[in-house]
């Protein structure tokens, strides 16, 4: 499939029927195809608990009984106890695996072990080859402020609004129209083939701070700033794989 980035032990969750592949090449996606994409997102999107609050993450790698989850650094910045909860409700203790390659990028890796269940992990694609208007799908667990609330999976549809030629601080480069809420940080952005192409991290119209500053310190012009502010933002998988090329390799 276009833009596929193959990695050992990173299979697609389920085989995609040839009839579905044909349909996904069209500009419009059927309700059946979107339902398929939702299922793909749900099994690879995990709840990341940091002490008593939650956010999201993506199950990206398995080696034996050890699994790797990618999320945002701002998700794990404050807190001591890390746990991940899978789509089947099972909860695992996790540890933050610091990676020197990320530096100022808003990325973090978590590790956990499971000897009970063999979970499927994400298949990855490229965000940087997407065109404006291409359909994308974002998922995660929006954070609610009620004490009694529990994480609820959310899957949103939208399209690419901008693939920035310059990288924003934190590594953000993909803008899209999908509504992304607090708590969905660290969750996946998928393309029409069910491949993870980016990691959620910034919702539209942020309430504080200015995330629209490029890595070199420059700022977008007013017209570009308007598009950026109206968009959700994610870090391309392409950038993650370039910064941490060994993260998905099977070690002997």
Foldseek 3Di string as FASTA:
>chain_A
DPQWDDFPQQDQQDDDDPVLVVQLVDLDHDPVLVVVLVVSQQQQKKWKDFPHWTAIWGFAADAPFKTKIKFFQVRNVDHDWIWIAGSVGDIWTKDWDDDPLCPQAGMTMIMTGDPPDDGHGATAGAPLPDDFFFKKKAKMFATDDDPPDDTDIDIWIWTWHFQAPFAWGNQWGTWIQTADHHRHGNGFMAGSVSHGFWTFDFGAQDPDDDRQATPVRHGDPPVVSVSRNNTTITHTVVVVCVSCVCPHHHDD
